[in-house]
Amino acid sequence: MCFDYRMVIDKRVHRQLGWRGVYADVFEIGGKAYKLFLSRPEVPPRQTREGRKRIFHSQVDAYERIEKCDAWLAAHTPEFYGTCSIQDVIGDSGEIVNENYLLDCCYAMGVLDLGERDTDTGLYRNEAKLAGLFSFSAGYAPHLKHLEEAETRFKSLQINTSDASVCFPNDPARFKVFDFDSADKPHRKDRRIEPVEGTNFGAKGE
């Protein structure tokens, strides 16, 4: 029998990773990071319901391109576990806050060790913006040639890294790039992930 499993995110239990972005919130559940896209506020032209849906699909498309085409790049981006649907989001006071989210726009990835957040820069101790490490006159510094290699591979897959960040940027073995996307794609059915053991689910159609 086929089930459409829908997960419940409870903010009182599931740790939110980082501060709220303009597109999504990220929650740690069962050792994975679930990126759930926001439904509001509406700030045209991109930060709208439809704009966030397009970003969701373009990010999923980018992960799938990497997974299919470039094992080296897959090792230097967060593990991608697929997409899922959310049944309910429970707020800090126990209330249902589903109206704040696009419940069908969620994917899971590996949890990154970003370290503590710097309140002055808004970045984490182990994080840097990829664009900030590149000089238009000199390119990447010699000790960051692994980032140049990553950029070349992203471009070959037509993946946009203009707003990307990198964890452990100085470490050629450990670095991971995240927050990238492909060109906008039409909505389509994404690969769905299996339910997380020990998490509340509702099985649709039982």
C-alpha atoms as a PDB file:
ATOM      1  CA  MET A   1       0.000   0.000   0.000  1.00  0.00           C
ATOM      2  CA  CYS A   2       1.245   3.477  -0.900  1.00  0.00           C
ATOM      3  CA  PHE A   3       1.176   6.156   1.821  1.00  0.00           C
ATOM      4  CA  ASP A   4       1.739   9.873   1.572  1.00  0.00           C
ATOM      5  CA  TYR A   5       3.557  10.432   4.861  1.00  0.00           C
ATOM      6  CA  ARG A   6       3.297  13.914   6.302  1.00  0.00           C
ATOM      7  CA  MET A   7       5.573  15.019   9.100  1.00  0.00           C
ATOM      8  CA  VAL A   8       4.745  17.238  12.058  1.00  0.00           C
ATOM      9  CA  ILE A   9       7.290  19.915  12.964  1.00  0.00           C
ATOM     10  CA  ASP A  10       7.020  21.021  16.583  1.00  0.00           C
ATOM     11  CA  LYS A  11       9.047  24.132  17.383  1.00  0.00           C
ATOM     12  CA  ARG A  12       8.963  23.234  21.084  1.00  0.00           C
ATOM     13  CA  VAL A  13      10.882  20.032  20.308  1.00  0.00           C
ATOM     14  CA  HIS A  14      12.676  20.441  16.977  1.00  0.00           C
ATOM     15  CA  ARG A  15      15.591  22.862  17.063  1.00  0.00           C
ATOM     16  CA  GLN A  16      15.508  25.669  14.524  1.00  0.00           C
ATOM     17  CA  LEU A  17      18.869  26.029  12.798  1.00  0.00           C
ATOM     18  CA  GLY A  18      19.944  29.639  12.393  1.00  0.00           C
ATOM     19  CA  TRP A  19      17.765  32.709  12.227  1.00  0.00           C
ATOM     20  CA  ARG A  20      14.755  33.017   9.941  1.00  0.00           C
ATOM     21  CA  GLY A  21      15.635  33.766   6.335  1.00  0.00           C
ATOM     22  CA  VAL A  22      13.459  35.508   3.778  1.00  0.00           C
ATOM     23  CA  TYR A  23      12.624  32.223   2.044  1.00  0.00           C
ATOM     24  CA  ALA A  24      12.607  29.417   4.617  1.00  0.00           C
ATOM     25  CA  ASP A  25      13.104  28.138   8.139  1.00  0.00           C
ATOM     26  CA  VAL A  26      15.388  25.152   8.803  1.00  0.00           C
ATOM     27  CA  PHE A  27      14.706  22.593  11.561  1.00  0.00           C
ATOM     28  CA  GLU A  28      16.882  19.735  12.815  1.00  0.00           C
ATOM     29  CA  ILE A  29      14.889  16.496  13.009  1.00  0.00           C
ATOM     30  CA  GLY A  30      16.345  13.014  13.314  1.00  0.00           C
ATOM     31  CA  GLY A  31      19.836  14.145  12.374  1.00  0.00           C
ATOM     32  CA  LYS A  32      18.709  15.908   9.192  1.00  0.00           C
ATOM     33  CA  ALA A  33      18.106  19.582   8.393  1.00  0.00           C
ATOM     34  CA  TYR A  34      14.601  20.190   7.011  1.00  0.00           C
ATOM     35  CA  LYS A  35      14.277  23.382   4.983  1.00  0.00           C
ATOM     36  CA  LEU A  36      10.610  24.462   5.029  1.00  0.00           C
ATOM     37  CA  PHE A  37       9.668  27.422   2.865  1.00  0.00           C
ATOM     38  CA  LEU A  38       7.645  30.357   4.153  1.00  0.00           C
ATOM     39  CA  SER A  39       4.305  31.481   2.727  1.00  0.00           C
ATOM     40  CA  ARG A  40       4.698  35.087   3.883  1.00  0.00           C
ATOM     41  CA  PRO A  41       5.333  37.986   4.068  1.00  0.00           C
ATOM     42  CA  GLU A  42       4.624  38.952   0.471  1.00  0.00           C
ATOM     43  CA  VAL A  43       7.455  41.159  -0.791  1.00  0.00           C
ATOM     44  CA  PRO A  44       7.359  41.292  -4.619  1.00  0.00           C
ATOM     45  CA  PRO A  45       8.864  40.370  -6.968  1.00  0.00           C
ATOM     46  CA  ARG A  46      10.667  37.283  -5.559  1.00  0.00           C
ATOM     47  CA  GLN A  47       9.599  36.991  -1.917  1.00  0.00           C
ATOM     48  CA  THR A  48       6.030  35.914  -2.672  1.00  0.00           C
ATOM     49  CA  ARG A  49       4.267  32.554  -2.409  1.00  0.00           C
ATOM     50  CA  GLU A  50       4.935  31.809  -6.064  1.00  0.00           C
ATOM     51  CA  GLY A  51       8.458  33.204  -5.873  1.00  0.00           C
ATOM     52  CA  ARG A  52       9.330  30.982  -2.907  1.00  0.00           C
ATOM     53  CA  LYS A  53       7.843  27.952  -4.680  1.00  0.00           C
ATOM     54  CA  ARG A  54      10.086  28.643  -7.651  1.00  0.00           C
ATOM     55  CA  ILE A  55      13.140  28.943  -5.387  1.00  0.00           C
ATOM     56  CA  PHE A  56      12.217  25.658  -3.669  1.00  0.00           C
ATOM     57  CA  HIS A  57      11.969  23.800  -6.974  1.00  0.00           C
ATOM     58  CA  SER A  58      15.137  25.371  -8.350  1.00  0.00           C
ATOM     59  CA  GLN A  59      17.113  24.400  -5.232  1.00  0.00           C
ATOM     60  CA  VAL A  60      15.823  20.826  -5.389  1.00  0.00           C
ATOM     61  CA  ASP A  61      16.670  20.708  -9.096  1.00  0.00           C
ATOM     62  CA  ALA A  62      20.217  21.876  -8.350  1.00  0.00           C
ATOM     63  CA  TYR A  63      20.752  19.157  -5.724  1.00  0.00           C
ATOM     64  CA  GLU A  64      19.427  16.528  -8.122  1.00  0.00           C
ATOM     65  CA  ARG A  65      21.773  17.704 -10.893  1.00  0.00           C
ATOM     66  CA  ILE A  66      24.746  17.436  -8.533  1.00  0.00           C
ATOM     67  CA  GLU A  67      23.681  14.034  -7.236  1.00  0.00           C
ATOM     68  CA  LYS A  68      23.290  12.685 -10.769  1.00  0.00           C
ATOM     69  CA  CYS A  69      26.249  14.309 -12.524  1.00  0.00           C
ATOM     70  CA  ASP A  70      29.144  15.162 -10.183  1.00  0.00           C
ATOM     71  CA  ALA A  71      30.266  12.948  -7.306  1.00  0.00           C
ATOM     72  CA  TRP A  72      33.088  15.350  -6.354  1.00  0.00           C
ATOM     73  CA  LEU A  73      30.656  18.248  -6.004  1.00  0.00           C
ATOM     74  CA  ALA A  74      28.185  16.027  -4.122  1.00  0.00           C
ATOM     75  CA  ALA A  75      30.923  15.424  -1.539  1.00  0.00           C
ATOM     76  CA  HIS A  76      31.306  19.187  -1.077  1.00  0.00           C
ATOM     77  CA  THR A  77      27.622  20.079  -0.707  1.00  0.00           C
ATOM     78  CA  PRO A  78      25.234  18.969   2.046  1.00  0.00           C
ATOM     79  CA  GLU A  79      23.845  15.457   1.658  1.00  0.00           C
ATOM     80  CA  PHE A  80      20.494  15.653  -0.124  1.00  0.00           C
ATOM     81  CA  TYR A  81      17.746  13.349   1.172  1.00  0.00           C
ATOM     82  CA  GLY A  82      14.836  14.458  -1.030  1.00  0.00           C
ATOM     83  CA  THR A  83      11.569  16.306  -0.492  1.00  0.00           C
ATOM     84  CA  CYS A  84       8.660  15.754   1.869  1.00  0.00           C
ATOM     85  CA  SER A  85       5.291  17.223   2.815  1.00  0.00           C
ATOM     86  CA  ILE A  86       4.514  18.665   6.233  1.00  0.00           C
ATOM     87  CA  GLN A  87       1.209  17.920   7.941  1.00  0.00           C
ATOM     88  CA  ASP A  88       1.390  20.555  10.679  1.00  0.00           C
ATOM     89  CA  VAL A  89       3.795  23.079  12.170  1.00  0.00           C
ATOM     90  CA  ILE A  90       3.301  23.640  15.895  1.00  0.00           C
ATOM     91  CA  GLY A  91       4.432  26.992  17.294  1.00  0.00           C
ATOM     92  CA  ASP A  92       6.281  27.790  20.511  1.00  0.00           C
ATOM     93  CA  SER A  93       3.021  28.064  22.456  1.00  0.00           C
ATOM     94  CA  GLY A  94       1.480  24.881  21.067  1.00  0.00           C
ATOM     95  CA  GLU A  95      -0.627  26.593  18.390  1.00  0.00           C
ATOM     96  CA  ILE A  96      -0.852  25.425  14.777  1.00  0.00           C
ATOM     97  CA  VAL A  97       0.985  27.907  12.521  1.00  0.00           C
ATOM     98  CA  ASN A  98       0.504  26.209   9.138  1.00  0.00           C
ATOM     99  CA  GLU A  99      -0.546  29.475   7.496  1.00  0.00           C
ATOM    100  CA  ASN A 100       3.045  30.725   7.784  1.00  0.00           C
ATOM    101  CA  TYR A 101       4.470  27.953   5.594  1.00  0.00           C
ATOM    102  CA  LEU A 102       4.234  26.253   2.201  1.00  0.00           C
ATOM    103  CA  LEU A 103       3.666  22.753   3.578  1.00  0.00           C
ATOM    104  CA  ASP A 104       4.499  20.995   0.308  1.00  0.00           C
ATOM    105  CA  CYS A 105       7.763  22.909  -0.141  1.00  0.00           C
ATOM    106  CA  CYS A 106      10.247  21.177   2.141  1.00  0.00           C
ATOM    107  CA  TYR A 107      13.426  19.191   1.571  1.00  0.00           C
ATOM    108  CA  ALA A 108      15.960  17.510   3.832  1.00  0.00           C
ATOM    109  CA  MET A 109      19.734  17.824   3.768  1.00  0.00           C
ATOM    110  CA  GLY A 110      22.681  17.068   5.990  1.00  0.00           C
ATOM    111  CA  VAL A 111      23.288  19.174   9.097  1.00  0.00           C
ATOM    112  CA  LEU A 112      26.382  21.386   8.818  1.00  0.00           C
ATOM    113  CA  ASP A 113      28.755  22.304  11.640  1.00  0.00           C
ATOM    114  CA  LEU A 114      28.500  26.085  11.292  1.00  0.00           C
ATOM    115  CA  GLY A 115      29.612  26.969  14.821  1.00  0.00           C
ATOM    116  CA  GLU A 116      28.434  29.983  16.796  1.00  0.00           C
ATOM    117  CA  ARG A 117      26.812  32.971  15.113  1.00  0.00           C
ATOM    118  CA  ASP A 118      28.624  36.307  14.886  1.00  0.00           C
ATOM    119  CA  THR A 119      26.081  38.972  15.838  1.00  0.00           C
ATOM    120  CA  ASP A 120      28.073  41.646  13.987  1.00  0.00           C
ATOM    121  CA  THR A 121      28.263  39.934  10.568  1.00  0.00           C
ATOM    122  CA  GLY A 122      25.233  37.630  10.846  1.00  0.00           C
ATOM    123  CA  LEU A 123      27.424  34.737   9.692  1.00  0.00           C
ATOM    124  CA  TYR A 124      28.543  31.687  11.642  1.00  0.00           C
ATOM    125  CA  ARG A 125      32.088  31.035  12.827  1.00  0.00           C
ATOM    126  CA  ASN A 126      32.675  28.285  10.247  1.00  0.00           C
ATOM    127  CA  GLU A 127      30.787  30.035   7.419  1.00  0.00           C
ATOM    128  CA  ALA A 128      31.705  32.549   4.714  1.00  0.00           C
ATOM    129  CA  LYS A 129      29.874  33.979   1.719  1.00  0.00           C
ATOM    130  CA  LEU A 130      31.350  32.482  -1.419  1.00  0.00           C
ATOM    131  CA  ALA A 131      31.204  35.797  -3.289  1.00  0.00           C
ATOM    132  CA  GLY A 132      33.155  37.491  -0.499  1.00  0.00           C
ATOM    133  CA  LEU A 133      36.110  35.161  -1.035  1.00  0.00           C
ATOM    134  CA  PHE A 134      36.427  35.965  -4.737  1.00  0.00           C
ATOM    135  CA  SER A 135      38.257  38.983  -6.152  1.00  0.00           C
ATOM    136  CA  PHE A 136      37.220  40.179  -9.615  1.00  0.00           C
ATOM    137  CA  SER A 137      40.787  41.302 -10.225  1.00  0.00           C
ATOM    138  CA  ALA A 138      42.682  38.339  -8.779  1.00  0.00           C
ATOM    139  CA  GLY A 139      40.146  35.504  -8.509  1.00  0.00           C
ATOM    140  CA  TYR A 140      40.480  33.141  -5.557  1.00  0.00           C
ATOM    141  CA  ALA A 141      43.574  33.233  -3.342  1.00  0.00           C
ATOM    142  CA  PRO A 142      46.035  30.351  -3.895  1.00  0.00           C
ATOM    143  CA  HIS A 143      44.889  28.557  -0.743  1.00  0.00           C
ATOM    144  CA  LEU A 144      41.272  28.640  -1.997  1.00  0.00           C
ATOM    145  CA  LYS A 145      41.774  26.946  -5.372  1.00  0.00           C
ATOM    146  CA  HIS A 146      39.397  24.199  -4.245  1.00  0.00           C
ATOM    147  CA  LEU A 147      36.619  26.825  -4.244  1.00  0.00           C
ATOM    148  CA  GLU A 148      37.567  27.808  -7.788  1.00  0.00           C
ATOM    149  CA  GLU A 149      37.242  24.161  -8.784  1.00  0.00           C
ATOM    150  CA  ALA A 150      33.814  23.994  -7.134  1.00  0.00           C
ATOM    151  CA  GLU A 151      32.663  27.167  -8.925  1.00  0.00           C
ATOM    152  CA  THR A 152      33.751  25.712 -12.266  1.00  0.00           C
ATOM    153  CA  ARG A 153      31.776  22.554 -11.611  1.00  0.00           C
ATOM    154  CA  PHE A 154      28.684  24.489 -10.491  1.00  0.00           C
ATOM    155  CA  LYS A 155      28.809  26.537 -13.690  1.00  0.00           C
ATOM    156  CA  SER A 156      29.103  23.423 -15.839  1.00  0.00           C
ATOM    157  CA  LEU A 157      25.816  22.221 -14.316  1.00  0.00           C
ATOM    158  CA  GLN A 158      24.214  25.672 -14.748  1.00  0.00           C
ATOM    159  CA  ILE A 159      23.864  26.132 -11.002  1.00  0.00           C
ATOM    160  CA  ASN A 160      23.785  29.652  -9.575  1.00  0.00           C
ATOM    161  CA  THR A 161      26.043  30.369  -6.570  1.00  0.00           C
ATOM    162  CA  SER A 162      25.632  34.147  -6.372  1.00  0.00           C
ATOM    163  CA  ASP A 163      24.094  33.915  -2.873  1.00  0.00           C
ATOM    164  CA  ALA A 164      25.886  30.739  -1.763  1.00  0.00           C
ATOM    165  CA  SER A 165      27.784  30.252   1.478  1.00  0.00           C
ATOM    166  CA  VAL A 166      30.574  27.818   2.280  1.00  0.00           C
ATOM    167  CA  CYS A 167      31.302  25.937   5.503  1.00  0.00           C
ATOM    168  CA  PHE A 168      35.009  25.467   6.392  1.00  0.00           C
ATOM    169  CA  PRO A 169      36.112  27.491   3.333  1.00  0.00           C
ATOM    170  CA  ASN A 170      39.841  27.086   4.039  1.00  0.00           C
ATOM    171  CA  ASP A 171      39.754  23.278   4.236  1.00  0.00           C
ATOM    172  CA  PRO A 172      39.978  21.527   0.833  1.00  0.00           C
ATOM    173  CA  ALA A 173      38.773  18.255   2.361  1.00  0.00           C
ATOM    174  CA  ARG A 174      35.939  19.453   4.617  1.00  0.00           C
ATOM    175  CA  PHE A 175      34.426  22.447   2.816  1.00  0.00           C
ATOM    176  CA  LYS A 176      30.766  22.338   1.793  1.00  0.00           C
ATOM    177  CA  VAL A 177      28.886  24.888  -0.305  1.00  0.00           C
ATOM    178  CA  PHE A 178      25.189  25.547   0.324  1.00  0.00           C
ATOM    179  CA  ASP A 179      22.344  27.950  -0.600  1.00  0.00           C
ATOM    180  CA  PHE A 180      22.618  27.526  -4.360  1.00  0.00           C
ATOM    181  CA  ASP A 181      19.930  27.050  -7.010  1.00  0.00           C
ATOM    182  CA  SER A 182      19.386  26.354 -10.678  1.00  0.00           C
ATOM    183  CA  ALA A 183      17.378  28.363 -13.184  1.00  0.00           C
ATOM    184  CA  ASP A 184      13.660  28.446 -12.351  1.00  0.00           C
ATOM    185  CA  LYS A 185      11.935  25.194 -13.198  1.00  0.00           C
ATOM    186  CA  PRO A 186       8.239  24.433 -13.670  1.00  0.00           C
ATOM    187  CA  HIS A 187       6.622  22.678 -10.735  1.00  0.00           C
ATOM    188  CA  ARG A 188       6.969  18.932 -10.851  1.00  0.00           C
ATOM    189  CA  LYS A 189       6.853  15.973  -8.515  1.00  0.00           C
ATOM    190  CA  ASP A 190      10.098  15.672  -6.557  1.00  0.00           C
ATOM    191  CA  ARG A 191      11.718  12.600  -5.074  1.00  0.00           C
ATOM    192  CA  ARG A 192      10.089  12.091  -1.679  1.00  0.00           C
ATOM    193  CA  ILE A 193      11.991  10.998   1.425  1.00  0.00           C
ATOM    194  CA  GLU A 194      11.080   8.273   3.864  1.00  0.00           C
ATOM    195  CA  PRO A 195       9.571   9.257   7.260  1.00  0.00           C
ATOM    196  CA  VAL A 196      11.933   9.906  10.153  1.00  0.00           C
ATOM    197  CA  GLU A 197      11.809   7.226  12.808  1.00  0.00           C
ATOM    198  CA  GLY A 198      10.323   8.462  16.079  1.00  0.00           C
ATOM    199  CA  THR A 199       8.623  11.507  14.516  1.00  0.00           C
ATOM    200  CA  ASN A 200       4.890  12.078  14.412  1.00  0.00           C
ATOM    201  CA  PHE A 201       3.368  11.141  11.061  1.00  0.00           C
ATOM    202  CA  GLY A 202      -0.082  10.833   9.648  1.00  0.00           C
ATOM    203  CA  ALA A 203      -0.587   8.213   6.945  1.00  0.00           C
ATOM    204  CA  LYS A 204      -2.923   9.535   4.315  1.00  0.00           C
ATOM    205  CA  GLY A 205      -5.319   7.025   2.871  1.00  0.00           C
ATOM    206  CA  GLU A 206      -5.044   4.344   5.564  1.00  0.00           C
END
